[in-house]
């Protein structure tokens, strides 16, 4: 029974999302962001995009960039308002992040690396 519903969902979403340029792709963009966050393989994302289940990787990156920009401007405005009132409403927590990137195909000057960086989280303080 579950397989039939998956086939039906795939067929319906391909009719709605891939064939109609006016269709609203809310589910497709959510699934695209999930595939982006889960670091799915490029071929997997490409196949799901062709079936109409997710939007393309470029669309996901553009959506995330626009969300990041609008959220950052809203955060800056909230911090400036709180600072003007002389209140502390936000705090910042820094953390180091690491990702090991192995090289699967060797070559000259190709080696596995550990990417290291810093991530910041803004936390709103209540009371």
PDB file of N, CA and C in Angstrom:
ATOM      1  N   UNK A   1       0.819  -1.193   0.000  1.00  0.00           N
ATOM      2  CA  UNK A   1       0.000   0.000   0.000  1.00  0.00           C
ATOM      3  C   UNK A   1       0.863   1.256   0.000  1.00  0.00           C
ATOM      4  N   UNK A   2       1.965   1.204   0.744  1.00  0.00           N
ATOM      5  CA  UNK A   2       2.836   2.362   0.852  1.00  0.00           C
ATOM      6  C   UNK A   2       3.493   2.699  -0.487  1.00  0.00           C
ATOM      7  N   UNK A   3       3.850   1.686  -1.253  1.00  0.00           N
ATOM      8  CA  UNK A   3       4.504   1.920  -2.540  1.00  0.00           C
ATOM      9  C   UNK A   3       3.555   2.625  -3.499  1.00  0.00           C
ATOM     10  N   UNK A   4       2.285   2.236  -3.496  1.00  0.00           N
ATOM     11  CA  UNK A   4       1.324   2.889  -4.385  1.00  0.00           C
ATOM     12  C   UNK A   4       1.174   4.362  -4.058  1.00  0.00           C
ATOM     13  N   UNK A   5       1.139   4.693  -2.769  1.00  0.00           N
ATOM     14  CA  UNK A   5       0.992   6.105  -2.404  1.00  0.00           C
ATOM     15  C   UNK A   5       2.232   6.904  -2.797  1.00  0.00           C
ATOM     16  N   UNK A   6       3.419   6.313  -2.708  1.00  0.00           N
ATOM     17  CA  UNK A   6       4.629   7.009  -3.139  1.00  0.00           C
ATOM     18  C   UNK A   6       4.629   7.244  -4.644  1.00  0.00           C
ATOM     19  N   UNK A   7       4.177   6.263  -5.389  1.00  0.00           N
ATOM     20  CA  UNK A   7       4.095   6.418  -6.842  1.00  0.00           C
ATOM     21  C   UNK A   7       3.080   7.499  -7.198  1.00  0.00           C
ATOM     22  N   UNK A   8       1.941   7.476  -6.512  1.00  0.00           N
ATOM     23  CA  UNK A   8       0.922   8.489  -6.774  1.00  0.00           C
ATOM     24  C   UNK A   8       1.417   9.879  -6.409  1.00  0.00           C
ATOM     25  N   UNK A   9       2.096  10.007  -5.272  1.00  0.00           N
ATOM     26  CA  UNK A   9       2.640  11.295  -4.865  1.00  0.00           C
ATOM     27  C   UNK A   9       3.659  11.802  -5.878  1.00  0.00           C
ATOM     28  N   UNK A  10       4.518  10.913  -6.353  1.00  0.00           N
ATOM     29  CA  UNK A  10       5.500  11.306  -7.365  1.00  0.00           C
ATOM     30  C   UNK A  10       4.847  11.760  -8.655  1.00  0.00           C
ATOM     31  N   UNK A  11       3.799  11.045  -9.076  1.00  0.00           N
ATOM     32  CA  UNK A  11       3.108  11.416 -10.311  1.00  0.00           C
ATOM     33  C   UNK A  11       2.385  12.748 -10.158  1.00  0.00           C
ATOM     34  N   UNK A  12       1.697  12.929  -9.044  1.00  0.00           N
ATOM     35  CA  UNK A  12       0.950  14.182  -8.832  1.00  0.00           C
ATOM     36  C   UNK A  12       1.898  15.365  -8.743  1.00  0.00           C
ATOM     37  N   UNK A  13       2.984  15.209  -7.967  1.00  0.00           N
ATOM     38  CA  UNK A  13       3.903  16.342  -7.833  1.00  0.00           C
ATOM     39  C   UNK A  13       4.623  16.637  -9.139  1.00  0.00           C
ATOM     40  N   UNK A  14       4.875  15.630  -9.951  1.00  0.00           N
ATOM     41  CA  UNK A  14       5.511  15.925 -11.243  1.00  0.00           C
ATOM     42  C   UNK A  14       4.548  16.675 -12.152  1.00  0.00           C
ATOM     43  N   UNK A  15       3.249  16.344 -12.091  1.00  0.00           N
ATOM     44  CA  UNK A  15       2.267  17.091 -12.882  1.00  0.00           C
ATOM     45  C   UNK A  15       2.144  18.525 -12.385  1.00  0.00           C
ATOM     46  N   UNK A  16       2.115  18.687 -11.071  1.00  0.00           N
ATOM     47  CA  UNK A  16       1.893  20.016 -10.496  1.00  0.00           C
ATOM     48  C   UNK A  16       3.142  20.886 -10.582  1.00  0.00           C
ATOM     49  N   UNK A  17       4.277  20.348 -10.122  1.00  0.00           N
ATOM     50  CA  UNK A  17       5.472  21.179  -9.963  1.00  0.00           C
ATOM     51  C   UNK A  17       6.317  21.286 -11.233  1.00  0.00           C
ATOM     52  N   UNK A  18       6.444  20.205 -11.959  1.00  0.00           N
ATOM     53  CA  UNK A  18       7.358  20.221 -13.095  1.00  0.00           C
ATOM     54  C   UNK A  18       6.693  20.713 -14.373  1.00  0.00           C
ATOM     55  N   UNK A  19       5.372  20.618 -14.469  1.00  0.00           N
ATOM     56  CA  UNK A  19       4.700  20.959 -15.715  1.00  0.00           C
ATOM     57  C   UNK A  19       4.025  22.322 -15.690  1.00  0.00           C
ATOM     58  N   UNK A  20       3.809  22.877 -14.504  1.00  0.00           N
ATOM     59  CA  UNK A  20       3.061  24.114 -14.391  1.00  0.00           C
ATOM     60  C   UNK A  20       3.962  25.205 -13.821  1.00  0.00           C
ATOM     61  N   UNK A  21       4.237  26.236 -14.583  1.00  0.00           N
ATOM     62  CA  UNK A  21       5.142  27.281 -14.113  1.00  0.00           C
ATOM     63  C   UNK A  21       4.487  28.209 -13.101  1.00  0.00           C
ATOM     64  N   UNK A  22       3.175  28.125 -12.946  1.00  0.00           N
ATOM     65  CA  UNK A  22       2.479  28.960 -11.975  1.00  0.00           C
ATOM     66  C   UNK A  22       2.228  28.238 -10.644  1.00  0.00           C
ATOM     67  N   UNK A  23       2.625  26.980 -10.539  1.00  0.00           N
ATOM     68  CA  UNK A  23       2.346  26.208  -9.325  1.00  0.00           C
ATOM     69  C   UNK A  23       3.222  26.687  -8.176  1.00  0.00           C
ATOM     70  N   UNK A  24       2.675  26.603  -6.982  1.00  0.00           N
ATOM     71  CA  UNK A  24       3.396  26.992  -5.775  1.00  0.00           C
ATOM     72  C   UNK A  24       4.182  25.781  -5.291  1.00  0.00           C
ATOM     73  N   UNK A  25       5.483  25.906  -5.201  1.00  0.00           N
ATOM     74  CA  UNK A  25       6.326  24.771  -4.846  1.00  0.00           C
ATOM     75  C   UNK A  25       6.782  24.777  -3.410  1.00  0.00           C
ATOM     76  N   UNK A  26       5.863  25.003  -2.456  1.00  0.00           N
ATOM     77  CA  UNK A  26       6.266  25.050  -1.051  1.00  0.00           C
ATOM     78  C   UNK A  26       6.858  23.735  -0.573  1.00  0.00           C
ATOM     79  N   UNK A  27       6.219  22.615  -0.891  1.00  0.00           N
ATOM     80  CA  UNK A  27       6.743  21.323  -0.472  1.00  0.00           C
ATOM     81  C   UNK A  27       8.061  21.028  -1.177  1.00  0.00           C
ATOM     82  N   UNK A  28       8.150  21.390  -2.433  1.00  0.00           N
ATOM     83  CA  UNK A  28       9.368  21.110  -3.193  1.00  0.00           C
ATOM     84  C   UNK A  28      10.558  21.880  -2.634  1.00  0.00           C
ATOM     85  N   UNK A  29      10.351  23.113  -2.191  1.00  0.00           N
ATOM     86  CA  UNK A  29      11.481  23.877  -1.662  1.00  0.00           C
ATOM     87  C   UNK A  29      11.872  23.369  -0.275  1.00  0.00           C
ATOM     88  N   UNK A  30      10.900  22.927   0.516  1.00  0.00           N
ATOM     89  CA  UNK A  30      11.222  22.356   1.831  1.00  0.00           C
ATOM     90  C   UNK A  30      12.030  21.082   1.665  1.00  0.00           C
ATOM     91  N   UNK A  31      11.610  20.225   0.760  1.00  0.00           N
ATOM     92  CA  UNK A  31      12.363  18.990   0.518  1.00  0.00           C
ATOM     93  C   UNK A  31      13.731  19.281  -0.092  1.00  0.00           C
ATOM     94  N   UNK A  32      13.819  20.327  -0.913  1.00  0.00           N
ATOM     95  CA  UNK A  32      15.111  20.723  -1.466  1.00  0.00           C
ATOM     96  C   UNK A  32      16.058  21.215  -0.393  1.00  0.00           C
ATOM     97  N   UNK A  33      15.552  21.993   0.568  1.00  0.00           N
ATOM     98  CA  UNK A  33      16.390  22.462   1.678  1.00  0.00           C
ATOM     99  C   UNK A  33      16.818  21.279   2.534  1.00  0.00           C
ATOM    100  N   UNK A  34      15.919  20.316   2.733  1.00  0.00           N
ATOM    101  CA  UNK A  34      16.289  19.137   3.513  1.00  0.00           C
ATOM    102  C   UNK A  34      17.391  18.345   2.813  1.00  0.00           C
ATOM    103  N   UNK A  35      17.269  18.167   1.506  1.00  0.00           N
ATOM    104  CA  UNK A  35      18.319  17.451   0.760  1.00  0.00           C
ATOM    105  C   UNK A  35      19.641  18.219   0.811  1.00  0.00           C
ATOM    106  N   UNK A  36      19.572  19.548   0.776  1.00  0.00           N
ATOM    107  CA  UNK A  36      20.772  20.380   0.866  1.00  0.00           C
ATOM    108  C   UNK A  36      21.416  20.221   2.245  1.00  0.00           C
ATOM    109  N   UNK A  37      20.598  20.264   3.303  1.00  0.00           N
ATOM    110  CA  UNK A  37      21.124  20.151   4.665  1.00  0.00           C
ATOM    111  C   UNK A  37      21.664  18.752   4.945  1.00  0.00           C
ATOM    112  N   UNK A  38      21.049  17.738   4.355  1.00  0.00           N
ATOM    113  CA  UNK A  38      21.496  16.362   4.554  1.00  0.00           C
ATOM    114  C   UNK A  38      22.697  16.022   3.681  1.00  0.00           C
ATOM    115  N   UNK A  39      23.108  16.966   2.844  1.00  0.00           N
ATOM    116  CA  UNK A  39      24.249  16.785   1.931  1.00  0.00           C
ATOM    117  C   UNK A  39      24.063  15.559   1.043  1.00  0.00           C
ATOM    118  N   UNK A  40      22.887  15.475   0.451  1.00  0.00           N
ATOM    119  CA  UNK A  40      22.621  14.390  -0.485  1.00  0.00           C
ATOM    120  C   UNK A  40      23.534  14.530  -1.699  1.00  0.00           C
ATOM    121  N   UNK A  41      23.776  13.439  -2.343  1.00  0.00           N
ATOM    122  CA  UNK A  41      24.641  13.442  -3.519  1.00  0.00           C
ATOM    123  C   UNK A  41      23.998  14.265  -4.635  1.00  0.00           C
ATOM    124  N   UNK A  42      24.827  14.849  -5.466  1.00  0.00           N
ATOM    125  CA  UNK A  42      24.356  15.695  -6.555  1.00  0.00           C
ATOM    126  C   UNK A  42      23.422  14.922  -7.486  1.00  0.00           C
ATOM    127  N   UNK A  43      23.749  13.682  -7.764  1.00  0.00           N
ATOM    128  CA  UNK A  43      22.911  12.882  -8.658  1.00  0.00           C
ATOM    129  C   UNK A  43      21.535  12.616  -8.053  1.00  0.00           C
ATOM    130  N   UNK A  44      21.474  12.407  -6.744  1.00  0.00           N
ATOM    131  CA  UNK A  44      20.186  12.180  -6.079  1.00  0.00           C
ATOM    132  C   UNK A  44      19.332  13.435  -6.188  1.00  0.00           C
ATOM    133  N   UNK A  45      19.936  14.597  -5.903  1.00  0.00           N
ATOM    134  CA  UNK A  45      19.184  15.851  -6.001  1.00  0.00           C
ATOM    135  C   UNK A  45      18.742  16.113  -7.432  1.00  0.00           C
ATOM    136  N   UNK A  46      19.575  15.780  -8.385  1.00  0.00           N
ATOM    137  CA  UNK A  46      19.232  15.999  -9.786  1.00  0.00           C
ATOM    138  C   UNK A  46      18.046  15.134 -10.202  1.00  0.00           C
ATOM    139  N   UNK A  47      18.028  13.879  -9.775  1.00  0.00           N
ATOM    140  CA  UNK A  47      16.931  12.979 -10.131  1.00  0.00           C
ATOM    141  C   UNK A  47      15.626  13.453  -9.499  1.00  0.00           C
ATOM    142  N   UNK A  48      15.655  13.792  -8.211  1.00  0.00           N
ATOM    143  CA  UNK A  48      14.442  14.276  -7.555  1.00  0.00           C
ATOM    144  C   UNK A  48      13.957  15.591  -8.159  1.00  0.00           C
ATOM    145  N   UNK A  49      14.888  16.417  -8.613  1.00  0.00           N
ATOM    146  CA  UNK A  49      14.499  17.666  -9.258  1.00  0.00           C
ATOM    147  C   UNK A  49      13.831  17.395 -10.603  1.00  0.00           C
ATOM    148  N   UNK A  50      14.350  16.432 -11.352  1.00  0.00           N
ATOM    149  CA  UNK A  50      13.749  16.083 -12.638  1.00  0.00           C
ATOM    150  C   UNK A  50      12.354  15.483 -12.463  1.00  0.00           C
ATOM    151  N   UNK A  51      12.149  14.750 -11.362  1.00  0.00           N
ATOM    152  CA  UNK A  51      10.837  14.165 -11.099  1.00  0.00           C
ATOM    153  C   UNK A  51       9.840  15.205 -10.588  1.00  0.00           C
ATOM    154  N   UNK A  52      10.326  16.360 -10.177  1.00  0.00           N
ATOM    155  CA  UNK A  52       9.455  17.402  -9.672  1.00  0.00           C
ATOM    156  C   UNK A  52       9.220  17.328  -8.181  1.00  0.00           C
ATOM    157  N   UNK A  53       9.982  16.488  -7.481  1.00  0.00           N
ATOM    158  CA  UNK A  53       9.803  16.362  -6.043  1.00  0.00           C
ATOM    159  C   UNK A  53      10.494  17.486  -5.276  1.00  0.00           C
ATOM    160  N   UNK A  54      11.619  17.987  -5.784  1.00  0.00           N
ATOM    161  CA  UNK A  54      12.336  19.081  -5.130  1.00  0.00           C
ATOM    162  C   UNK A  54      12.695  20.123  -6.180  1.00  0.00           C
ATOM    163  N   UNK A  55      13.014  21.320  -5.708  1.00  0.00           N
ATOM    164  CA  UNK A  55      13.490  22.356  -6.623  1.00  0.00           C
ATOM    165  C   UNK A  55      14.978  22.154  -6.852  1.00  0.00           C
ATOM    166  N   UNK A  56      15.522  22.877  -7.809  1.00  0.00           N
ATOM    167  CA  UNK A  56      16.933  22.692  -8.128  1.00  0.00           C
ATOM    168  C   UNK A  56      17.822  23.211  -7.005  1.00  0.00           C
ATOM    169  N   UNK A  57      19.061  22.778  -7.002  1.00  0.00           N
ATOM    170  CA  UNK A  57      20.020  23.164  -5.975  1.00  0.00           C
ATOM    171  C   UNK A  57      20.280  24.672  -6.005  1.00  0.00           C
ATOM    172  N   UNK A  58      20.287  25.255  -7.185  1.00  0.00           N
ATOM    173  CA  UNK A  58      20.495  26.703  -7.303  1.00  0.00           C
ATOM    174  C   UNK A  58      19.347  27.468  -6.655  1.00  0.00           C
ATOM    175  N   UNK A  59      18.119  27.004  -6.843  1.00  0.00           N
ATOM    176  CA  UNK A  59      16.964  27.646  -6.229  1.00  0.00           C
ATOM    177  C   UNK A  59      17.035  27.545  -4.707  1.00  0.00           C
ATOM    178  N   UNK A  60      17.471  26.401  -4.199  1.00  0.00           N
ATOM    179  CA  UNK A  60      17.611  26.228  -2.752  1.00  0.00           C
ATOM    180  C   UNK A  60      18.668  27.184  -2.204  1.00  0.00           C
ATOM    181  N   UNK A  61      19.799  27.279  -2.890  1.00  0.00           N
ATOM    182  CA  UNK A  61      20.865  28.187  -2.433  1.00  0.00           C
ATOM    183  C   UNK A  61      20.391  29.645  -2.455  1.00  0.00           C
ATOM    184  N   UNK A  62      19.676  30.036  -3.497  1.00  0.00           N
ATOM    185  CA  UNK A  62      19.151  31.413  -3.559  1.00  0.00           C
ATOM    186  C   UNK A  62      18.135  31.674  -2.451  1.00  0.00           C
ATOM    187  N   UNK A  63      17.275  30.700  -2.168  1.00  0.00           N
ATOM    188  CA  UNK A  63      16.283  30.862  -1.100  1.00  0.00           C
ATOM    189  C   UNK A  63      16.963  30.981   0.260  1.00  0.00           C
ATOM    190  N   UNK A  64      17.968  30.144   0.505  1.00  0.00           N
ATOM    191  CA  UNK A  64      18.680  30.220   1.783  1.00  0.00           C
ATOM    192  C   UNK A  64      19.442  31.533   1.924  1.00  0.00           C
ATOM    193  N   UNK A  65      20.028  32.008   0.836  1.00  0.00           N
ATOM    194  CA  UNK A  65      20.731  33.298   0.885  1.00  0.00           C
ATOM    195  C   UNK A  65      19.770  34.444   1.173  1.00  0.00           C
ATOM    196  N   UNK A  66      18.591  34.427   0.568  1.00  0.00           N
ATOM    197  CA  UNK A  66      17.631  35.503   0.821  1.00  0.00           C
ATOM    198  C   UNK A  66      17.091  35.437   2.244  1.00  0.00           C
ATOM    199  N   UNK A  67      16.845  34.217   2.755  1.00  0.00           N
ATOM    200  CA  UNK A  67      16.396  34.076   4.140  1.00  0.00           C
ATOM    201  C   UNK A  67      17.462  34.552   5.116  1.00  0.00           C
ATOM    202  N   UNK A  68      18.704  34.226   4.827  1.00  0.00           N
ATOM    203  CA  UNK A  68      19.794  34.645   5.702  1.00  0.00           C
ATOM    204  C   UNK A  68      19.918  36.159   5.715  1.00  0.00           C
ATOM    205  N   UNK A  69      19.826  36.794   4.561  1.00  0.00           N
ATOM    206  CA  UNK A  69      19.935  38.249   4.486  1.00  0.00           C
ATOM    207  C   UNK A  69      18.802  38.956   5.200  1.00  0.00           C
ATOM    208  N   UNK A  70      17.566  38.481   5.016  1.00  0.00           N
ATOM    209  CA  UNK A  70      16.429  39.131   5.669  1.00  0.00           C
ATOM    210  C   UNK A  70      16.447  38.892   7.178  1.00  0.00           C
ATOM    211  N   UNK A  71      16.849  37.701   7.610  1.00  0.00           N
ATOM    212  CA  UNK A  71      16.933  37.426   9.043  1.00  0.00           C
ATOM    213  C   UNK A  71      18.018  38.258   9.704  1.00  0.00           C
ATOM    214  N   UNK A  72      19.138  38.438   9.022  1.00  0.00           N
ATOM    215  CA  UNK A  72      20.224  39.240   9.581  1.00  0.00           C
ATOM    216  C   UNK A  72      19.816  40.701   9.711  1.00  0.00           C
ATOM    217  N   UNK A  73      19.104  41.229   8.719  1.00  0.00           N
ATOM    218  CA  UNK A  73      18.666  42.630   8.816  1.00  0.00           C
ATOM    219  C   UNK A  73      17.630  42.802   9.924  1.00  0.00           C
ATOM    220  N   UNK A  74      16.736  41.820  10.114  1.00  0.00           N
ATOM    221  CA  UNK A  74      15.755  41.885  11.203  1.00  0.00           C
ATOM    222  C   UNK A  74      16.449  41.798  12.561  1.00  0.00           C
ATOM    223  N   UNK A  75      17.470  40.945  12.673  1.00  0.00           N
ATOM    224  CA  UNK A  75      18.229  40.824  13.917  1.00  0.00           C
ATOM    225  C   UNK A  75      18.967  42.112  14.236  1.00  0.00           C
ATOM    226  N   UNK A  76      19.597  42.714  13.234  1.00  0.00           N
ATOM    227  CA  UNK A  76      20.306  43.983  13.445  1.00  0.00           C
ATOM    228  C   UNK A  76      19.349  45.078  13.921  1.00  0.00           C
ATOM    229  N   UNK A  77      18.164  45.138  13.322  1.00  0.00           N
ATOM    230  CA  UNK A  77      17.182  46.144  13.731  1.00  0.00           C
ATOM    231  C   UNK A  77      16.722  45.906  15.167  1.00  0.00           C
ATOM    232  N   UNK A  78      16.496  44.652  15.552  1.00  0.00           N
ATOM    233  CA  UNK A  78      16.068  44.343  16.919  1.00  0.00           C
ATOM    234  C   UNK A  78      17.152  44.682  17.932  1.00  0.00           C
ATOM    235  N   UNK A  79      18.404  44.405  17.595  1.00  0.00           N
ATOM    236  CA  UNK A  79      19.513  44.727  18.503  1.00  0.00           C
ATOM    237  C   UNK A  79      19.676  46.237  18.628  1.00  0.00           C
ATOM    238  N   UNK A  80      19.537  46.970  17.539  1.00  0.00           N
ATOM    239  CA  UNK A  80      19.642  48.428  17.598  1.00  0.00           C
ATOM    240  C   UNK A  80      18.509  49.029  18.429  1.00  0.00           C
ATOM    241  N   UNK A  81      17.297  48.493  18.303  1.00  0.00           N
ATOM    242  CA  UNK A  81      16.172  48.984  19.105  1.00  0.00           C
ATOM    243  C   UNK A  81      16.412  48.741  20.596  1.00  0.00           C
ATOM    244  N   UNK A  82      16.902  47.537  20.927  1.00  0.00           N
ATOM    245  CA  UNK A  82      17.173  47.220  22.328  1.00  0.00           C
ATOM    246  C   UNK A  82      18.308  48.082  22.878  1.00  0.00           C
ATOM    247  N   UNK A  83      19.327  48.324  22.063  1.00  0.00           N
ATOM    248  CA  UNK A  83      20.449  49.154  22.501  1.00  0.00           C
ATOM    249  C   UNK A  83      19.996  50.592  22.718  1.00  0.00           C
ATOM    250  N   UNK A  84      19.127  51.088  21.865  1.00  0.00           N
ATOM    251  CA  UNK A  84      18.616  52.453  22.024  1.00  0.00           C
ATOM    252  C   UNK A  84      17.808  52.593  23.314  1.00  0.00           C
ATOM    253  N   UNK A  85      17.114  51.509  23.733  1.00  0.00           N
ATOM    254  CA  UNK A  85      16.357  51.540  24.981  1.00  0.00           C
ATOM    255  C   UNK A  85      17.240  51.272  26.194  1.00  0.00           C
ATOM    256  N   UNK A  86      18.492  50.866  25.973  1.00  0.00           N
ATOM    257  CA  UNK A  86      19.405  50.548  27.068  1.00  0.00           C
ATOM    258  C   UNK A  86      19.160  49.182  27.676  1.00  0.00           C
ATOM    259  N   UNK A  87      18.601  48.269  26.908  1.00  0.00           N
ATOM    260  CA  UNK A  87      18.301  46.924  27.395  1.00  0.00           C
ATOM    261  C   UNK A  87      19.141  45.890  26.664  1.00  0.00           C
ATOM    262  N   UNK A  88      19.320  44.758  27.307  1.00  0.00           N
ATOM    263  CA  UNK A  88      20.026  43.640  26.695  1.00  0.00           C
ATOM    264  C   UNK A  88      18.993  42.565  26.380  1.00  0.00           C
ATOM    265  N   UNK A  89      18.660  42.414  25.121  1.00  0.00           N
ATOM    266  CA  UNK A  89      17.665  41.416  24.715  1.00  0.00           C
ATOM    267  C   UNK A  89      18.288  40.228  23.997  1.00  0.00           C
ATOM    268  N   UNK A  90      19.506  40.364  23.559  1.00  0.00           N
ATOM    269  CA  UNK A  90      20.138  39.320  22.758  1.00  0.00           C
ATOM    270  C   UNK A  90      21.510  38.996  23.320  1.00  0.00           C
ATOM    271  N   UNK A  91      21.908  37.730  23.198  1.00  0.00           N
ATOM    272  CA  UNK A  91      23.288  37.353  23.497  1.00  0.00           C
ATOM    273  C   UNK A  91      23.811  36.529  22.318  1.00  0.00           C
ATOM    274  N   UNK A  92      25.094  36.421  22.248  1.00  0.00           N
ATOM    275  CA  UNK A  92      25.749  35.742  21.129  1.00  0.00           C
ATOM    276  C   UNK A  92      26.568  34.585  21.675  1.00  0.00           C
ATOM    277  N   UNK A  93      26.383  33.411  21.107  1.00  0.00           N
ATOM    278  CA  UNK A  93      27.138  32.231  21.506  1.00  0.00           C
ATOM    279  C   UNK A  93      27.968  31.794  20.308  1.00  0.00           C
ATOM    280  N   UNK A  94      29.273  31.672  20.509  1.00  0.00           N
ATOM    281  CA  UNK A  94      30.182  31.221  19.452  1.00  0.00           C
ATOM    282  C   UNK A  94      30.577  29.772  19.707  1.00  0.00           C
ATOM    283  N   UNK A  95      30.739  29.030  18.638  1.00  0.00           N
ATOM    284  CA  UNK A  95      31.135  27.634  18.742  1.00  0.00           C
ATOM    285  C   UNK A  95      32.017  27.306  17.549  1.00  0.00           C
ATOM    286  N   UNK A  96      32.989  26.423  17.789  1.00  0.00           N
ATOM    287  CA  UNK A  96      33.800  26.012  16.648  1.00  0.00           C
ATOM    288  C   UNK A  96      33.128  24.832  15.949  1.00  0.00           C
ATOM    289  N   UNK A  97      33.176  24.828  14.637  1.00  0.00           N
ATOM    290  CA  UNK A  97      32.585  23.756  13.837  1.00  0.00           C
ATOM    291  C   UNK A  97      33.687  23.127  13.000  1.00  0.00           C
ATOM    292  N   UNK A  98      33.557  21.830  12.794  1.00  0.00           N
ATOM    293  CA  UNK A  98      34.552  21.094  12.030  1.00  0.00           C
ATOM    294  C   UNK A  98      33.863  20.137  11.076  1.00  0.00           C
ATOM    295  N   UNK A  99      34.481  19.951   9.929  1.00  0.00           N
ATOM    296  CA  UNK A  99      33.981  18.975   8.965  1.00  0.00           C
ATOM    297  C   UNK A  99      35.180  18.322   8.299  1.00  0.00           C
ATOM    298  N   UNK A 100      35.239  17.007   8.365  1.00  0.00           N
ATOM    299  CA  UNK A 100      36.323  16.276   7.729  1.00  0.00           C
ATOM    300  C   UNK A 100      35.923  15.981   6.287  1.00  0.00           C
ATOM    301  N   UNK A 101      36.719  16.402   5.352  1.00  0.00           N
ATOM    302  CA  UNK A 101      36.437  16.225   3.930  1.00  0.00           C
ATOM    303  C   UNK A 101      37.447  15.255   3.327  1.00  0.00           C
ATOM    304  N   UNK A 102      37.073  13.982   3.233  1.00  0.00           N
ATOM    305  CA  UNK A 102      38.020  13.013   2.668  1.00  0.00           C
ATOM    306  C   UNK A 102      38.098  13.123   1.151  1.00  0.00           C
ATOM    307  N   UNK A 103      39.271  12.832   0.614  1.00  0.00           N
ATOM    308  CA  UNK A 103      39.477  12.797  -0.837  1.00  0.00           C
ATOM    309  C   UNK A 103      39.347  11.345  -1.265  1.00  0.00           C
ATOM    310  N   UNK A 104      38.430  11.090  -2.183  1.00  0.00           N
ATOM    311  CA  UNK A 104      38.185   9.715  -2.616  1.00  0.00           C
ATOM    312  C   UNK A 104      39.040   9.326  -3.815  1.00  0.00           C
ATOM    313  N   UNK A 105      39.450  10.302  -4.592  1.00  0.00           N
ATOM    314  CA  UNK A 105      40.316  10.025  -5.730  1.00  0.00           C
ATOM    315  C   UNK A 105      41.601  10.804  -5.539  1.00  0.00           C
ATOM    316  N   UNK A 106      42.664  10.091  -5.343  1.00  0.00           N
ATOM    317  CA  UNK A 106      43.949  10.734  -5.081  1.00  0.00           C
ATOM    318  C   UNK A 106      44.531  11.391  -6.316  1.00  0.00           C
ATOM    319  N   UNK A 107      45.460  12.253  -6.100  1.00  0.00           N
ATOM    320  CA  UNK A 107      46.137  12.946  -7.186  1.00  0.00           C
ATOM    321  C   UNK A 107      47.254  13.791  -6.607  1.00  0.00           C
ATOM    322  N   UNK A 108      47.908  14.542  -7.456  1.00  0.00           N
ATOM    323  CA  UNK A 108      49.000  15.393  -7.002  1.00  0.00           C
ATOM    324  C   UNK A 108      48.419  16.505  -6.120  1.00  0.00           C
ATOM    325  N   UNK A 109      48.961  16.641  -4.939  1.00  0.00           N
ATOM    326  CA  UNK A 109      48.585  17.671  -3.966  1.00  0.00           C
ATOM    327  C   UNK A 109      47.129  17.565  -3.523  1.00  0.00           C
ATOM    328  N   UNK A 110      46.533  16.397  -3.635  1.00  0.00           N
ATOM    329  CA  UNK A 110      45.172  16.198  -3.147  1.00  0.00           C
ATOM    330  C   UNK A 110      45.243  15.343  -1.901  1.00  0.00           C
ATOM    331  N   UNK A 111      44.738  15.890  -0.822  1.00  0.00           N
ATOM    332  CA  UNK A 111      44.720  15.139   0.426  1.00  0.00           C
ATOM    333  C   UNK A 111      43.475  15.507   1.215  1.00  0.00           C
ATOM    334  N   UNK A 112      43.079  14.636   2.105  1.00  0.00           N
ATOM    335  CA  UNK A 112      41.918  14.893   2.944  1.00  0.00           C
ATOM    336  C   UNK A 112      42.227  16.056   3.885  1.00  0.00           C
ATOM    337  N   UNK A 113      41.219  16.889   4.110  1.00  0.00           N
ATOM    338  CA  UNK A 113      41.432  18.049   4.968  1.00  0.00           C
ATOM    339  C   UNK A 113      40.329  18.121   6.028  1.00  0.00           C
ATOM    340  N   UNK A 114      40.626  18.854   7.084  1.00  0.00           N
ATOM    341  CA  UNK A 114      39.663  19.134   8.130  1.00  0.00           C
ATOM    342  C   UNK A 114      39.342  20.616   8.066  1.00  0.00           C
ATOM    343  N   UNK A 115      38.103  20.923   7.667  1.00  0.00           N
ATOM    344  CA  UNK A 115      37.686  22.319   7.600  1.00  0.00           C
ATOM    345  C   UNK A 115      37.260  22.753   9.001  1.00  0.00           C
ATOM    346  N   UNK A 116      37.799  23.876   9.451  1.00  0.00           N
ATOM    347  CA  UNK A 116      37.524  24.383  10.786  1.00  0.00           C
ATOM    348  C   UNK A 116      37.018  25.808  10.656  1.00  0.00           C
ATOM    349  N   UNK A 117      35.997  26.138  11.426  1.00  0.00           N
ATOM    350  CA  UNK A 117      35.456  27.486  11.381  1.00  0.00           C
ATOM    351  C   UNK A 117      34.727  27.822  12.668  1.00  0.00           C
ATOM    352  N   UNK A 118      34.052  28.941  12.656  1.00  0.00           N
ATOM    353  CA  UNK A 118      33.296  29.401  13.819  1.00  0.00           C
ATOM    354  C   UNK A 118      31.866  29.676  13.396  1.00  0.00           C
ATOM    355  N   UNK A 119      30.932  29.226  14.223  1.00  0.00           N
ATOM    356  CA  UNK A 119      29.512  29.473  13.982  1.00  0.00           C
ATOM    357  C   UNK A 119      28.980  30.313  15.137  1.00  0.00           C
ATOM    358  N   UNK A 120      28.105  31.241  14.827  1.00  0.00           N
ATOM    359  CA  UNK A 120      27.517  32.102  15.845  1.00  0.00           C
ATOM    360  C   UNK A 120      26.011  31.860  15.915  1.00  0.00           C
ATOM    361  N   UNK A 121      25.488  31.902  17.106  1.00  0.00           N
ATOM    362  CA  UNK A 121      24.049  31.763  17.325  1.00  0.00           C
ATOM    363  C   UNK A 121      23.581  32.951  18.162  1.00  0.00           C
ATOM    364  N   UNK A 122      22.576  33.663  17.684  1.00  0.00           N
ATOM    365  CA  UNK A 122      21.990  34.763  18.435  1.00  0.00           C
ATOM    366  C   UNK A 122      20.814  34.207  19.230  1.00  0.00           C
ATOM    367  N   UNK A 123      20.801  34.502  20.521  1.00  0.00           N
ATOM    368  CA  UNK A 123      19.759  33.981  21.421  1.00  0.00           C
ATOM    369  C   UNK A 123      19.018  35.157  22.023  1.00  0.00           C
ATOM    370  N   UNK A 124      17.702  35.132  21.895  1.00  0.00           N
ATOM    371  CA  UNK A 124      16.894  36.188  22.497  1.00  0.00           C
ATOM    372  C   UNK A 124      16.681  35.868  23.971  1.00  0.00           C
ATOM    373  N   UNK A 125      16.943  36.841  24.823  1.00  0.00           N
ATOM    374  CA  UNK A 125      16.818  36.663  26.257  1.00  0.00           C
ATOM    375  C   UNK A 125      15.457  37.185  26.707  1.00  0.00           C
ATOM    376  N   UNK A 126      14.697  36.344  27.386  1.00  0.00           N
ATOM    377  CA  UNK A 126      13.401  36.732  27.947  1.00  0.00           C
ATOM    378  C   UNK A 126      13.553  36.988  29.428  1.00  0.00           C
ATOM    379  N   UNK A 127      12.821  37.975  29.936  1.00  0.00           N
ATOM    380  CA  UNK A 127      12.833  38.337  31.354  1.00  0.00           C
ATOM    381  C   UNK A 127      14.218  38.774  31.787  1.00  0.00           C
TER     382      UNK A 127
END
